[in-house]
């Protein structure tokens, strides 16, 4: 790994609002961490890869079924994956109970797999994205009560 590769990785982290990256290539391990600047648009997402990225949670519009539902939104642009592999069971489905820190899905962005984790305990009442679907920043992925 040369300096140009490390600079490119750091640039990609900054452009995508990432604050921590741990990468192992052969026997070389690299850990890049940057501090969020004041007024940053994206809240701090602690990690990339299989260490988890907190989901964006906001109050949902009241629905007829679940008035206290919260929207879990994508913190990045990428491809939504409901399971770790095509033949694996989805991380969550409708009626799944989740605990804070549980994996909800994976979003692939720029060849990096980002686990989206639950910010609080609750129950998934609706999965709003399809497996393999491209998702946008702030797109609703799940509704949770």
C-alpha atoms as a PDB file:
ATOM      1  CA  UNK A   1       0.000   0.000   0.000  1.00  0.00           C
ATOM      2  CA  UNK A   2       1.526   3.327  -1.026  1.00  0.00           C
ATOM      3  CA  UNK A   3       0.927   6.920   0.082  1.00  0.00           C
ATOM      4  CA  UNK A   4      -1.276   7.701  -2.925  1.00  0.00           C
ATOM      5  CA  UNK A   5      -3.618   4.814  -2.039  1.00  0.00           C
ATOM      6  CA  UNK A   6      -3.850   6.034   1.573  1.00  0.00           C
ATOM      7  CA  UNK A   7      -4.569   9.609   0.397  1.00  0.00           C
ATOM      8  CA  UNK A   8      -7.306   8.319  -1.936  1.00  0.00           C
ATOM      9  CA  UNK A   9      -8.877   6.300   0.900  1.00  0.00           C
ATOM     10  CA  UNK A  10      -8.789   9.362   3.197  1.00  0.00           C
ATOM     11  CA  UNK A  11     -10.410  11.488   0.456  1.00  0.00           C
ATOM     12  CA  UNK A  12     -13.154   8.886  -0.020  1.00  0.00           C
ATOM     13  CA  UNK A  13     -13.774   8.818   3.744  1.00  0.00           C
ATOM     14  CA  UNK A  14     -14.156  12.602   3.838  1.00  0.00           C
ATOM     15  CA  UNK A  15     -16.470  12.702   0.790  1.00  0.00           C
ATOM     16  CA  UNK A  16     -18.754  10.076   2.359  1.00  0.00           C
ATOM     17  CA  UNK A  17     -18.771  11.430   5.909  1.00  0.00           C
ATOM     18  CA  UNK A  18     -16.940   8.415   7.318  1.00  0.00           C
ATOM     19  CA  UNK A  19     -14.942   8.915  10.515  1.00  0.00           C
ATOM     20  CA  UNK A  20     -13.190   5.564  10.977  1.00  0.00           C
ATOM     21  CA  UNK A  21     -11.833   2.951   8.603  1.00  0.00           C
ATOM     22  CA  UNK A  22      -9.910  -0.201   9.422  1.00  0.00           C
ATOM     23  CA  UNK A  23      -8.406  -2.030   6.475  1.00  0.00           C
ATOM     24  CA  UNK A  24      -6.215  -5.127   6.257  1.00  0.00           C
ATOM     25  CA  UNK A  25      -4.457  -5.987   3.026  1.00  0.00           C
ATOM     26  CA  UNK A  26      -2.144  -8.968   3.307  1.00  0.00           C
ATOM     27  CA  UNK A  27       0.023  -8.356   6.345  1.00  0.00           C
ATOM     28  CA  UNK A  28      -0.532  -4.587   6.293  1.00  0.00           C
ATOM     29  CA  UNK A  29      -3.158  -3.156   8.634  1.00  0.00           C
ATOM     30  CA  UNK A  30      -4.319   0.444   8.322  1.00  0.00           C
ATOM     31  CA  UNK A  31      -6.576   2.416  10.648  1.00  0.00           C
ATOM     32  CA  UNK A  32      -7.699   5.892   9.595  1.00  0.00           C
ATOM     33  CA  UNK A  33      -9.752   8.063  11.910  1.00  0.00           C
ATOM     34  CA  UNK A  34     -10.798  11.652  11.437  1.00  0.00           C
ATOM     35  CA  UNK A  35     -12.600  14.077  13.687  1.00  0.00           C
ATOM     36  CA  UNK A  36     -15.910  15.565  12.584  1.00  0.00           C
ATOM     37  CA  UNK A  37     -15.737  19.275  11.874  1.00  0.00           C
ATOM     38  CA  UNK A  38     -18.225  21.631  13.472  1.00  0.00           C
ATOM     39  CA  UNK A  39     -21.415  21.983  11.483  1.00  0.00           C
ATOM     40  CA  UNK A  40     -20.888  18.762   9.561  1.00  0.00           C
ATOM     41  CA  UNK A  41     -23.991  17.679   7.699  1.00  0.00           C
ATOM     42  CA  UNK A  42     -23.671  14.001   8.633  1.00  0.00           C
ATOM     43  CA  UNK A  43     -23.564  12.891  12.256  1.00  0.00           C
ATOM     44  CA  UNK A  44     -20.575  10.803  13.245  1.00  0.00           C
ATOM     45  CA  UNK A  45     -20.771   7.240  11.969  1.00  0.00           C
ATOM     46  CA  UNK A  46     -18.255   5.258  13.976  1.00  0.00           C
ATOM     47  CA  UNK A  47     -17.101   2.606  11.538  1.00  0.00           C
ATOM     48  CA  UNK A  48     -17.041   1.098   8.105  1.00  0.00           C
ATOM     49  CA  UNK A  49     -16.999  -2.567   7.256  1.00  0.00           C
ATOM     50  CA  UNK A  50     -18.326  -5.112   9.645  1.00  0.00           C
ATOM     51  CA  UNK A  51     -18.122  -2.960  12.744  1.00  0.00           C
ATOM     52  CA  UNK A  52     -21.443  -1.212  12.096  1.00  0.00           C
ATOM     53  CA  UNK A  53     -22.834   2.169  11.162  1.00  0.00           C
ATOM     54  CA  UNK A  54     -25.684   3.625  13.196  1.00  0.00           C
ATOM     55  CA  UNK A  55     -28.877   4.081  11.257  1.00  0.00           C
ATOM     56  CA  UNK A  56     -30.390   7.533  10.957  1.00  0.00           C
ATOM     57  CA  UNK A  57     -33.566   7.606  13.042  1.00  0.00           C
ATOM     58  CA  UNK A  58     -36.229  10.266  12.869  1.00  0.00           C
ATOM     59  CA  UNK A  59     -39.851  10.564  13.864  1.00  0.00           C
ATOM     60  CA  UNK A  60     -42.180   9.013  11.337  1.00  0.00           C
ATOM     61  CA  UNK A  61     -45.285  10.597   9.992  1.00  0.00           C
ATOM     62  CA  UNK A  62     -48.205   9.100  11.934  1.00  0.00           C
ATOM     63  CA  UNK A  63     -49.579   6.021  10.231  1.00  0.00           C
ATOM     64  CA  UNK A  64     -52.918   4.385  10.698  1.00  0.00           C
ATOM     65  CA  UNK A  65     -51.280   1.176  11.953  1.00  0.00           C
ATOM     66  CA  UNK A  66     -48.467   2.522  14.115  1.00  0.00           C
ATOM     67  CA  UNK A  67     -48.754   6.105  15.355  1.00  0.00           C
ATOM     68  CA  UNK A  68     -45.455   5.955  17.243  1.00  0.00           C
ATOM     69  CA  UNK A  69     -43.370   4.394  14.436  1.00  0.00           C
ATOM     70  CA  UNK A  70     -39.881   5.751  13.811  1.00  0.00           C
ATOM     71  CA  UNK A  71     -38.233   5.864  10.421  1.00  0.00           C
ATOM     72  CA  UNK A  72     -34.807   4.298  10.090  1.00  0.00           C
ATOM     73  CA  UNK A  73     -33.089   6.012   7.175  1.00  0.00           C
ATOM     74  CA  UNK A  74     -30.005   5.217   5.159  1.00  0.00           C
ATOM     75  CA  UNK A  75     -26.933   7.164   6.295  1.00  0.00           C
ATOM     76  CA  UNK A  76     -25.395   6.859   2.806  1.00  0.00           C
ATOM     77  CA  UNK A  77     -25.933   6.134  -0.875  1.00  0.00           C
ATOM     78  CA  UNK A  78     -25.366   2.505  -1.826  1.00  0.00           C
ATOM     79  CA  UNK A  79     -26.942  -0.896  -2.423  1.00  0.00           C
ATOM     80  CA  UNK A  80     -29.211  -2.352   0.290  1.00  0.00           C
ATOM     81  CA  UNK A  81     -28.661  -5.973   1.283  1.00  0.00           C
ATOM     82  CA  UNK A  82     -31.077  -7.618   3.709  1.00  0.00           C
ATOM     83  CA  UNK A  83     -28.741 -10.544   4.461  1.00  0.00           C
ATOM     84  CA  UNK A  84     -25.027 -11.302   4.687  1.00  0.00           C
ATOM     85  CA  UNK A  85     -25.162 -13.416   1.512  1.00  0.00           C
ATOM     86  CA  UNK A  86     -27.786 -14.341  -1.096  1.00  0.00           C
ATOM     87  CA  UNK A  87     -28.500 -17.699   0.560  1.00  0.00           C
ATOM     88  CA  UNK A  88     -28.475 -16.379   4.150  1.00  0.00           C
ATOM     89  CA  UNK A  89     -31.499 -15.510   6.254  1.00  0.00           C
ATOM     90  CA  UNK A  90     -32.291 -11.727   6.343  1.00  0.00           C
ATOM     91  CA  UNK A  91     -30.984  -9.852   9.393  1.00  0.00           C
ATOM     92  CA  UNK A  92     -34.504  -8.598  10.172  1.00  0.00           C
ATOM     93  CA  UNK A  93     -38.026  -8.924   8.787  1.00  0.00           C
ATOM     94  CA  UNK A  94     -41.407  -7.495   9.685  1.00  0.00           C
ATOM     95  CA  UNK A  95     -42.250  -8.279  13.335  1.00  0.00           C
ATOM     96  CA  UNK A  96     -38.557  -8.843  14.213  1.00  0.00           C
ATOM     97  CA  UNK A  97     -37.560  -7.669  17.700  1.00  0.00           C
ATOM     98  CA  UNK A  98     -34.196  -5.900  17.688  1.00  0.00           C
ATOM     99  CA  UNK A  99     -31.882  -4.670  20.411  1.00  0.00           C
ATOM    100  CA  UNK A 100     -29.614  -1.654  20.320  1.00  0.00           C
ATOM    101  CA  UNK A 101     -26.514  -2.623  18.337  1.00  0.00           C
ATOM    102  CA  UNK A 102     -28.191  -5.394  16.295  1.00  0.00           C
ATOM    103  CA  UNK A 103     -27.451  -5.449  12.562  1.00  0.00           C
ATOM    104  CA  UNK A 104     -30.455  -4.371  10.484  1.00  0.00           C
ATOM    105  CA  UNK A 105     -28.948  -4.603   6.990  1.00  0.00           C
ATOM    106  CA  UNK A 106     -25.776  -4.001   4.991  1.00  0.00           C
ATOM    107  CA  UNK A 107     -25.258  -1.166   2.530  1.00  0.00           C
ATOM    108  CA  UNK A 108     -22.515  -1.540  -0.032  1.00  0.00           C
ATOM    109  CA  UNK A 109     -20.957   1.795  -0.931  1.00  0.00           C
ATOM    110  CA  UNK A 110     -17.838   2.117  -3.068  1.00  0.00           C
ATOM    111  CA  UNK A 111     -16.978  -1.573  -2.655  1.00  0.00           C
ATOM    112  CA  UNK A 112     -17.174  -1.263   1.162  1.00  0.00           C
ATOM    113  CA  UNK A 113     -19.763  -3.170   3.170  1.00  0.00           C
ATOM    114  CA  UNK A 114     -21.355  -1.032   5.882  1.00  0.00           C
ATOM    115  CA  UNK A 115     -23.439  -2.737   8.550  1.00  0.00           C
ATOM    116  CA  UNK A 116     -26.381  -0.572   9.585  1.00  0.00           C
ATOM    117  CA  UNK A 117     -27.061  -1.095  13.277  1.00  0.00           C
ATOM    118  CA  UNK A 118     -30.069  -0.356  15.489  1.00  0.00           C
ATOM    119  CA  UNK A 119     -29.769   2.744  17.634  1.00  0.00           C
ATOM    120  CA  UNK A 120     -32.357   1.470  20.133  1.00  0.00           C
ATOM    121  CA  UNK A 121     -34.460  -1.547  21.083  1.00  0.00           C
ATOM    122  CA  UNK A 122     -37.709  -2.033  19.210  1.00  0.00           C
ATOM    123  CA  UNK A 123     -39.739  -4.001  16.693  1.00  0.00           C
ATOM    124  CA  UNK A 124     -39.465  -3.720  12.914  1.00  0.00           C
ATOM    125  CA  UNK A 125     -42.977  -3.123  11.585  1.00  0.00           C
ATOM    126  CA  UNK A 126     -42.076  -2.566   7.937  1.00  0.00           C
ATOM    127  CA  UNK A 127     -39.074  -3.218   5.686  1.00  0.00           C
ATOM    128  CA  UNK A 128     -39.152  -0.404   3.120  1.00  0.00           C
ATOM    129  CA  UNK A 129     -36.235  -1.398   0.856  1.00  0.00           C
ATOM    130  CA  UNK A 130     -35.838  -4.487  -1.308  1.00  0.00           C
ATOM    131  CA  UNK A 131     -32.761  -6.699  -1.271  1.00  0.00           C
ATOM    132  CA  UNK A 132     -30.299  -5.527  -3.938  1.00  0.00           C
ATOM    133  CA  UNK A 133     -32.056  -2.164  -4.348  1.00  0.00           C
ATOM    134  CA  UNK A 134     -30.003   1.028  -4.745  1.00  0.00           C
ATOM    135  CA  UNK A 135     -30.794   3.407  -1.870  1.00  0.00           C
ATOM    136  CA  UNK A 136     -30.252   7.131  -1.498  1.00  0.00           C
ATOM    137  CA  UNK A 137     -29.009   9.128   1.470  1.00  0.00           C
ATOM    138  CA  UNK A 138     -31.861   9.553   3.980  1.00  0.00           C
ATOM    139  CA  UNK A 139     -34.119   7.023   2.197  1.00  0.00           C
ATOM    140  CA  UNK A 140     -36.392   5.126   4.600  1.00  0.00           C
ATOM    141  CA  UNK A 141     -35.146   1.563   5.103  1.00  0.00           C
ATOM    142  CA  UNK A 142     -37.314   0.407   8.023  1.00  0.00           C
ATOM    143  CA  UNK A 143     -40.179   1.505  10.251  1.00  0.00           C
ATOM    144  CA  UNK A 144     -39.723   0.571  13.893  1.00  0.00           C
ATOM    145  CA  UNK A 145     -41.783   0.881  17.077  1.00  0.00           C
END
